[in-house]
Amino acid sequence: MCVCLERLITGNNMTPESIYFILYLITVPDIESDQRAIHRIYFEDFEQCNHYAEILDQRYDPIVRKPNCVKVNNYLKEVRIPLRKPEFMK
């Protein structure tokens, strides 16, 4: 059965397309200023993400103390493209 047809029958139009792990890396571009740069790095497996987090000493976010390398489900939602408004309705 086609995946699109299955979604139509079951009414489930949100399926996890991919699972990845995110490492938020916080850097200081200029040591004389108080500005920080936040980078978001995607990994496909937890071990690799955790390895880099340990090397960079950022297993936890230093600002809010949340753990890095959290599993994220990427959902893609199918939406219909709206039709243009007819000329007489503008």
Protein backbone atom coordinates (compact mmCIF):
# COMPACT_ATOMS: atom_id res chain seq x y z
CA MET A 1 0.00 0.00 0.00
CA CYS A 2 1.26 3.44 -0.87
CA VAL A 3 2.39 5.48 2.13
CA CYS A 4 0.30 8.45 0.98
CA LEU A 5 -2.80 6.26 0.65
CA GLU A 6 -2.18 4.73 4.07
CA ARG A 7 -1.96 8.21 5.62
CA LEU A 8 -5.21 9.17 3.93
CA ILE A 9 -7.02 6.07 5.22
CA THR A 10 -5.70 6.22 8.78
CA GLY A 11 -5.84 10.01 9.02
CA ASN A 12 -2.23 10.08 10.22
CA ASN A 13 -0.46 12.75 8.19
CA MET A 14 2.40 13.25 10.67
CA THR A 15 5.03 10.53 10.68
CA PRO A 16 8.56 10.71 12.05
CA GLU A 17 10.73 10.97 8.97
CA SER A 18 14.04 10.94 10.84
CA ILE A 19 15.43 10.77 14.33
CA TYR A 20 18.52 12.75 15.26
CA PHE A 21 20.41 14.06 18.27
CA ILE A 22 21.25 17.73 18.79
CA LEU A 23 24.31 19.20 20.42
CA TYR A 24 24.05 22.88 21.31
CA LEU A 25 27.57 24.26 21.23
CA ILE A 26 28.13 27.61 22.91
CA THR A 27 31.21 29.54 21.88
CA VAL A 28 32.67 32.94 22.75
CA PRO A 29 33.81 34.61 19.51
CA ASP A 30 35.60 37.49 21.25
CA ILE A 31 37.08 37.06 24.72
CA GLU A 32 36.86 40.80 25.41
CA SER A 33 33.09 40.94 24.96
CA ASP A 34 30.24 39.23 26.77
CA GLN A 35 28.64 37.96 23.54
CA ARG A 36 28.13 34.27 22.96
CA ALA A 37 27.37 32.34 19.79
CA ILE A 38 25.08 29.31 19.91
CA HIS A 39 25.49 26.59 17.29
CA ARG A 40 23.15 23.66 16.71
CA ILE A 41 24.90 20.50 15.47
CA TYR A 42 22.93 17.44 14.29
CA PHE A 43 24.11 13.84 14.74
CA GLU A 44 22.49 10.63 13.55
CA ASP A 45 23.59 8.47 16.47
CA PHE A 46 23.80 9.16 20.20
CA GLU A 47 27.31 7.78 20.75
CA GLN A 48 28.88 10.20 18.30
CA CYS A 49 26.97 13.17 19.74
CA ASN A 50 27.90 12.22 23.28
CA HIS A 51 31.56 11.73 22.28
CA TYR A 52 31.83 15.29 20.92
CA ALA A 53 29.92 16.69 23.90
CA GLU A 54 32.46 15.10 26.27
CA ILE A 55 35.45 16.30 24.24
CA LEU A 56 34.09 19.87 24.16
CA ASP A 57 33.04 19.68 27.83
CA GLN A 58 29.45 20.54 26.98
CA ARG A 59 27.45 17.49 28.07
CA TYR A 60 25.11 20.03 29.68
CA ASP A 61 24.19 23.43 28.37
CA PRO A 62 26.24 25.86 30.52
CA ILE A 63 23.51 28.51 30.56
CA VAL A 64 20.34 26.57 31.47
CA ARG A 65 21.96 23.26 32.54
CA LYS A 66 19.83 21.10 30.23
CA PRO A 67 21.47 17.94 28.88
CA ASN A 68 22.80 17.97 25.33
CA CYS A 69 22.39 15.13 22.79
CA VAL A 70 18.66 14.76 23.32
CA LYS A 71 16.71 12.56 20.90
CA VAL A 72 14.52 14.56 18.51
CA ASN A 73 11.85 13.16 16.19
CA ASN A 74 11.58 15.16 13.00
CA TYR A 75 7.93 15.23 11.92
CA LEU A 76 6.97 16.36 8.46
CA LYS A 77 3.38 17.53 8.14
CA GLU A 78 1.74 17.46 4.77
CA VAL A 79 -0.35 20.55 4.05
CA ARG A 80 -2.32 21.54 1.01
CA ILE A 81 -1.30 24.62 -0.91
CA PRO A 82 -4.13 27.16 -0.73
CA LEU A 83 -5.66 28.34 -3.97
CA ARG A 84 -5.34 31.94 -5.07
CA LYS A 85 -8.16 34.29 -4.30
CA PRO A 86 -10.28 34.97 -7.39
CA GLU A 87 -9.96 38.41 -8.97
CA PHE A 88 -13.49 39.51 -8.04
CA MET A 89 -12.78 38.88 -4.32
CA LYS A 90 -9.70 41.11 -4.07
